[in-house]
Structure formats: structure tokens, C-alpha cells
């Protein structure tokens, strides 16, 4: 009687699928962030962060 009964109920399998999807999305965002930092470091990024002037003055009045 060497019957091995492997049973995963639907709740456990949905949790496993959820964990795998979350890990996959996490890796995508992690490597995307690293890729943008490398591109910015090498000067290949088209979008540069500029300083924002938070003054309430009218720029046309200057």
C-alpha cells in the first residue's frame, strides 16, 4: 500500500498562484527601476528630473 495521496485544496492553490504572480510583478518593478537608474547614469534617459519652482510669483512678471 504505497499510495501517495497528494491533495492541494483550491484555497491553497490560489494562494500559491497569487504568490507567484506577486513575485513576478515584484521582479519586473525591481529590474525596471534598476534599468532606469542605469540609463540615467549613462545619460541615455530622455526624461530628466528638473527642479520645480514652488514660488507663488507670476513667471511673466519677472
N, C-alpha and C. Protein backbone atom coordinates (compact mmCIF):
# COMPACT_ATOMS: atom_id res chain seq x y z
N UNK A 1 0.81 -1.17 0.00
CA UNK A 1 0.00 0.00 0.00
C UNK A 1 0.86 1.25 0.00
N UNK A 2 1.49 1.48 -1.09
CA UNK A 2 2.33 2.66 -1.24
C UNK A 2 1.61 3.75 -2.03
N UNK A 3 0.37 3.98 -1.70
CA UNK A 3 -0.37 5.04 -2.37
C UNK A 3 -0.03 6.37 -1.71
N UNK A 4 0.49 7.25 -2.51
CA UNK A 4 0.81 8.59 -2.01
C UNK A 4 -0.32 9.51 -2.44
N UNK A 5 -0.97 10.07 -1.49
CA UNK A 5 -2.10 10.95 -1.77
C UNK A 5 -1.65 12.40 -1.65
N UNK A 6 -1.56 13.04 -2.77
CA UNK A 6 -1.20 14.46 -2.78
C UNK A 6 -2.44 15.26 -3.14
N UNK A 7 -2.87 16.05 -2.22
CA UNK A 7 -4.08 16.83 -2.46
C UNK A 7 -3.81 18.26 -2.05
N UNK A 8 -4.06 19.16 -2.97
CA UNK A 8 -3.97 20.58 -2.67
C UNK A 8 -5.35 21.16 -2.88
N UNK A 9 -5.92 21.70 -1.83
CA UNK A 9 -7.27 22.24 -1.95
C UNK A 9 -7.24 23.55 -2.74
N UNK A 10 -8.37 23.98 -3.28
CA UNK A 10 -8.40 25.18 -4.11
C UNK A 10 -7.91 26.44 -3.41
N UNK A 11 -8.12 26.54 -2.13
CA UNK A 11 -7.63 27.71 -1.39
C UNK A 11 -6.12 27.79 -1.38
N UNK A 12 -5.48 26.65 -1.18
CA UNK A 12 -4.01 26.62 -1.17
C UNK A 12 -3.44 26.89 -2.55
N UNK A 13 -4.06 26.33 -3.57
CA UNK A 13 -3.53 26.54 -4.92
C UNK A 13 -3.71 27.98 -5.36
N UNK A 14 -4.81 28.62 -4.99
CA UNK A 14 -4.98 30.02 -5.36
C UNK A 14 -3.98 30.90 -4.62
N UNK A 15 -3.63 30.54 -3.39
CA UNK A 15 -2.61 31.27 -2.64
C UNK A 15 -1.25 31.12 -3.30
N UNK A 16 -0.93 29.93 -3.77
CA UNK A 16 0.34 29.70 -4.45
C UNK A 16 0.41 30.51 -5.75
N UNK A 17 -0.69 30.51 -6.52
CA UNK A 17 -0.73 31.29 -7.76
C UNK A 17 -0.58 32.78 -7.45
N UNK A 18 -1.24 33.26 -6.42
CA UNK A 18 -1.15 34.66 -6.03
C UNK A 18 0.29 35.02 -5.64
N UNK A 19 0.95 34.16 -4.90
CA UNK A 19 2.33 34.42 -4.50
C UNK A 19 3.26 34.44 -5.72
N UNK A 20 3.05 33.55 -6.67
CA UNK A 20 3.88 33.53 -7.88
C UNK A 20 3.68 34.78 -8.72
N UNK A 21 2.42 35.21 -8.88
CA UNK A 21 2.15 36.43 -9.65
C UNK A 21 2.76 37.64 -8.95
N UNK A 22 2.62 37.73 -7.64
CA UNK A 22 3.19 38.85 -6.90
C UNK A 22 4.71 38.88 -7.01
N UNK A 23 5.35 37.72 -6.95
CA UNK A 23 6.81 37.66 -7.09
C UNK A 23 7.23 38.09 -8.49
N UNK A 24 6.50 37.67 -9.51
CA UNK A 24 6.82 38.04 -10.88
C UNK A 24 6.69 39.55 -11.08
N UNK A 25 5.60 40.13 -10.60
CA UNK A 25 5.40 41.58 -10.74
C UNK A 25 6.45 42.34 -9.93
N UNK A 26 6.79 41.84 -8.77
CA UNK A 26 7.84 42.47 -7.96
C UNK A 26 9.18 42.48 -8.66
N UNK A 27 9.53 41.37 -9.29
CA UNK A 27 10.79 41.32 -10.04
C UNK A 27 10.78 42.29 -11.21
N UNK A 28 9.64 42.42 -11.89
CA UNK A 28 9.55 43.34 -13.02
C UNK A 28 9.80 44.78 -12.55
N UNK A 29 9.14 45.20 -11.48
CA UNK A 29 9.33 46.56 -10.98
C UNK A 29 10.74 46.77 -10.46
N UNK A 30 11.32 45.78 -9.83
CA UNK A 30 12.68 45.89 -9.31
C UNK A 30 13.68 46.10 -10.44
N UNK A 31 13.61 45.26 -11.47
CA UNK A 31 14.55 45.38 -12.57
C UNK A 31 14.27 46.60 -13.44
N UNK A 32 13.00 47.04 -13.51
CA UNK A 32 12.67 48.25 -14.24
C UNK A 32 13.33 49.46 -13.58
N UNK A 33 13.28 49.50 -12.25
CA UNK A 33 13.89 50.60 -11.52
C UNK A 33 15.40 50.60 -11.72
N UNK A 34 16.02 49.45 -11.65
CA UNK A 34 17.47 49.37 -11.87
C UNK A 34 17.81 49.80 -13.29
N UNK A 35 17.01 49.37 -14.28
CA UNK A 35 17.28 49.70 -15.67
C UNK A 35 17.21 51.22 -15.89
N UNK A 36 16.21 51.88 -15.29
CA UNK A 36 16.10 53.33 -15.44
C UNK A 36 17.26 54.04 -14.77
N UNK A 37 17.72 53.55 -13.64
CA UNK A 37 18.87 54.17 -12.97
C UNK A 37 20.14 54.01 -13.80
N UNK A 38 20.31 52.85 -14.42
CA UNK A 38 21.49 52.63 -15.27
C UNK A 38 21.43 53.55 -16.48
N UNK A 39 20.25 53.66 -17.10
CA UNK A 39 20.10 54.54 -18.26
C UNK A 39 20.36 56.00 -17.88
N UNK A 40 19.88 56.43 -16.72
CA UNK A 40 20.10 57.79 -16.28
C UNK A 40 21.58 58.03 -15.98
N UNK A 41 22.24 57.06 -15.40
CA UNK A 41 23.66 57.18 -15.09
C UNK A 41 24.48 57.30 -16.37
N UNK A 42 24.10 56.56 -17.40
CA UNK A 42 24.83 56.60 -18.66
C UNK A 42 24.41 57.76 -19.55
N UNK A 43 23.40 58.50 -19.14
CA UNK A 43 22.95 59.65 -19.92
C UNK A 43 22.06 59.26 -21.09
N UNK A 44 21.46 58.10 -21.05
CA UNK A 44 20.60 57.65 -22.14
C UNK A 44 19.14 57.95 -21.90
N UNK A 45 18.82 58.47 -20.73
CA UNK A 45 17.43 58.73 -20.37
C UNK A 45 16.96 60.01 -21.05
N UNK A 46 15.76 59.98 -21.63
CA UNK A 46 15.19 61.15 -22.28
C UNK A 46 14.53 62.07 -21.28
N UNK A 47 13.99 61.53 -20.21
CA UNK A 47 13.30 62.32 -19.20
C UNK A 47 14.23 62.60 -18.04
N UNK A 48 14.62 63.84 -17.90
CA UNK A 48 15.48 64.23 -16.79
C UNK A 48 14.63 64.93 -15.75
N UNK A 49 14.95 64.70 -14.50
CA UNK A 49 14.23 65.35 -13.41
C UNK A 49 14.78 66.76 -13.26
N UNK A 50 13.90 67.74 -13.28
CA UNK A 50 14.31 69.13 -13.13
C UNK A 50 13.78 69.67 -11.82
N UNK A 51 14.40 70.74 -11.35
CA UNK A 51 13.94 71.38 -10.13
C UNK A 51 12.63 72.09 -10.41
N UNK A 52 11.71 71.98 -9.48
CA UNK A 52 10.41 72.61 -9.63
C UNK A 52 10.40 73.87 -8.76
N UNK A 53 10.03 74.99 -9.38
CA UNK A 53 9.94 76.25 -8.65
C UNK A 53 8.57 76.32 -8.00
N UNK A 54 8.52 76.30 -6.69
CA UNK A 54 7.25 76.29 -5.98
C UNK A 54 6.82 77.68 -5.53
N UNK A 55 7.39 78.71 -6.12
CA UNK A 55 7.01 80.06 -5.71
C UNK A 55 5.64 80.43 -6.25
N UNK A 56 5.00 81.37 -5.58
CA UNK A 56 3.68 81.81 -5.98
C UNK A 56 3.73 83.01 -6.92
N UNK A 57 4.91 83.40 -7.32
CA UNK A 57 5.06 84.57 -8.18
C UNK A 57 4.66 84.23 -9.60
N UNK A 58 4.22 85.24 -10.31
CA UNK A 58 3.86 85.08 -11.72
C UNK A 58 5.16 85.08 -12.53
N UNK A 59 5.45 84.03 -13.29
CA UNK A 59 6.72 83.99 -14.03
C UNK A 59 6.81 85.05 -15.11
N UNK A 60 5.69 85.57 -15.58
CA UNK A 60 5.72 86.62 -16.60
C UNK A 60 6.10 87.97 -16.01
N UNK A 61 5.90 88.14 -14.70
CA UNK A 61 6.19 89.42 -14.07
C UNK A 61 7.67 89.62 -13.83
N UNK A 62 8.46 88.63 -13.95
CA UNK A 62 9.90 88.75 -13.66
C UNK A 62 10.64 89.29 -14.83
